[in-house]
Each structure stands twice: as structure tokens, then as C-alpha cells.
Amino acid sequence: MAQQATHWADIQEKTFTRWINDYLREKGMKIESLKTDLGNGLVLCNLLKILSKKKFPKYNKHPRITAQKNGKHQYGSCLYQGTED
């Protein structure tokens, strides 16, 4: 049973990764792993811009310090700034 759950989770991860890449292709971006490539929030912000079809105010596109790399902060910033329309 546990092996079935793991297999199902792997299928879901691959499917979701392909779904994200289908949309990110529009921006010339691609992810390989959900676990590592979504870490700094940049992919999430770009995905959100594509899905919402809204322009977002500027956000840090090249995070350098740990606080800037915090994915939740970047993603939250995009969400907050994107709802002002």
C-alpha cells in the first residue's frame, strides 16, 4: 500500500511539473524539480503572472541574500501587489 502511495505521488509530481512547464515555456523558463526549483519564489511569481494575465509591479528578480530568497516572501509579494488592480 505504501509503495502504491509513493508511485501515485511520483506521478502527480511529474504531471504537475509538466503542467507548470507548459505555462512557463511562454517566458522561456523550465523547472526540473518542484522541490528545488520553486525555492526562491521567482518561478511562482512568473507562473502567477502568466495564469492571471496581469502585469505585476517590480519584484526582486535576482535575490542574493537569504531573506530575498525566501520563496514565501517573493510569492506573497507578487500576490499582494497583483491584487491592487
Protein backbone atom coordinates (compact mmCIF):
# COMPACT_ATOMS: atom_id res chain seq x y z
CA MET A 1 0.00 0.00 0.00
CA ALA A 2 2.82 2.41 0.86
CA GLN A 3 4.51 1.64 -2.45
CA GLN A 4 1.27 2.49 -4.27
CA ALA A 5 1.06 5.84 -2.47
CA THR A 6 4.65 6.65 -3.38
CA HIS A 7 4.03 5.71 -7.01
CA TRP A 8 0.90 7.90 -7.07
CA ALA A 9 2.85 10.84 -5.57
CA ASP A 10 5.59 10.46 -8.19
CA ILE A 11 3.01 10.51 -10.98
CA GLN A 12 1.36 13.60 -9.51
CA GLU A 13 4.70 15.40 -9.20
CA LYS A 14 5.65 14.64 -12.81
CA THR A 15 2.21 15.71 -14.05
CA PHE A 16 2.27 18.99 -12.11
CA THR A 17 5.85 19.70 -13.24
CA ARG A 18 4.82 19.24 -16.89
CA TRP A 19 1.77 21.46 -16.34
CA ILE A 20 3.94 24.23 -14.88
CA ASN A 21 6.47 23.87 -17.72
CA ASP A 22 3.71 24.18 -20.32
CA TYR A 23 2.90 27.63 -18.95
CA LEU A 24 6.49 28.68 -18.20
CA ARG A 25 7.50 27.93 -21.79
CA GLU A 26 5.80 31.25 -22.62
CA LYS A 27 8.55 33.03 -20.65
CA GLY A 28 11.36 30.73 -21.77
CA MET A 29 11.58 29.12 -18.34
CA LYS A 30 11.58 25.49 -17.23
CA ILE A 31 11.74 23.61 -13.95
CA GLU A 32 13.18 20.16 -13.33
CA SER A 33 12.11 19.59 -9.73
CA LEU A 34 9.22 21.02 -7.74
CA LYS A 35 11.22 20.57 -4.56
CA THR A 36 14.21 22.65 -5.58
CA ASP A 37 13.21 24.95 -8.44
CA LEU A 38 10.36 26.67 -6.62
CA GLY A 39 12.59 27.61 -3.70
CA ASN A 40 13.16 31.33 -4.22
CA GLY A 41 9.68 32.27 -5.46
CA LEU A 42 10.75 33.56 -8.88
CA VAL A 43 9.11 30.70 -10.77
CA LEU A 44 5.94 31.08 -8.70
CA CYS A 45 5.78 34.82 -9.43
CA ASN A 46 6.22 34.20 -13.16
CA LEU A 47 3.64 31.41 -13.13
CA LEU A 48 1.21 33.67 -11.30
CA LYS A 49 1.74 36.45 -13.86
CA ILE A 50 1.09 34.04 -16.72
CA LEU A 51 -2.01 32.46 -15.17
CA SER A 52 -3.57 35.74 -14.03
CA LYS A 53 -2.67 37.58 -17.25
CA LYS A 54 -1.85 40.66 -15.16
CA LYS A 55 1.21 42.85 -15.07
CA PHE A 56 2.89 42.95 -11.71
CA PRO A 57 4.93 45.75 -10.18
CA LYS A 58 8.66 45.18 -9.89
CA TYR A 59 9.91 42.47 -7.60
CA ASN A 60 13.41 41.19 -6.89
CA LYS A 61 14.33 39.08 -9.91
CA HIS A 62 17.85 38.33 -8.65
CA PRO A 63 17.61 37.55 -4.94
CA ARG A 64 21.03 37.37 -3.30
CA ILE A 65 20.55 37.21 0.47
CA THR A 66 18.59 34.61 2.40
CA ALA A 67 15.70 36.96 3.17
CA GLN A 68 15.30 37.74 -0.52
CA LYS A 69 15.48 34.06 -1.46
CA ASN A 70 12.64 33.14 0.85
CA GLY A 71 10.09 31.80 -1.64
CA LYS A 72 7.12 32.62 0.55
CA HIS A 73 8.16 36.27 0.70
CA GLN A 74 8.59 36.59 -3.08
CA TYR A 75 5.33 34.76 -3.76
CA GLY A 76 3.43 36.76 -1.15
CA SER A 77 4.81 39.98 -2.58
CA CYS A 78 3.59 39.06 -6.05
CA LEU A 79 0.16 38.08 -4.74
CA TYR A 80 -0.22 41.28 -2.74
CA GLN A 81 1.00 43.57 -5.49
CA GLY A 82 -1.06 41.77 -8.10
CA THR A 83 -4.37 42.33 -6.29
CA GLU A 84 -4.23 46.10 -6.39
CA ASP A 85 -5.87 46.29 -9.84
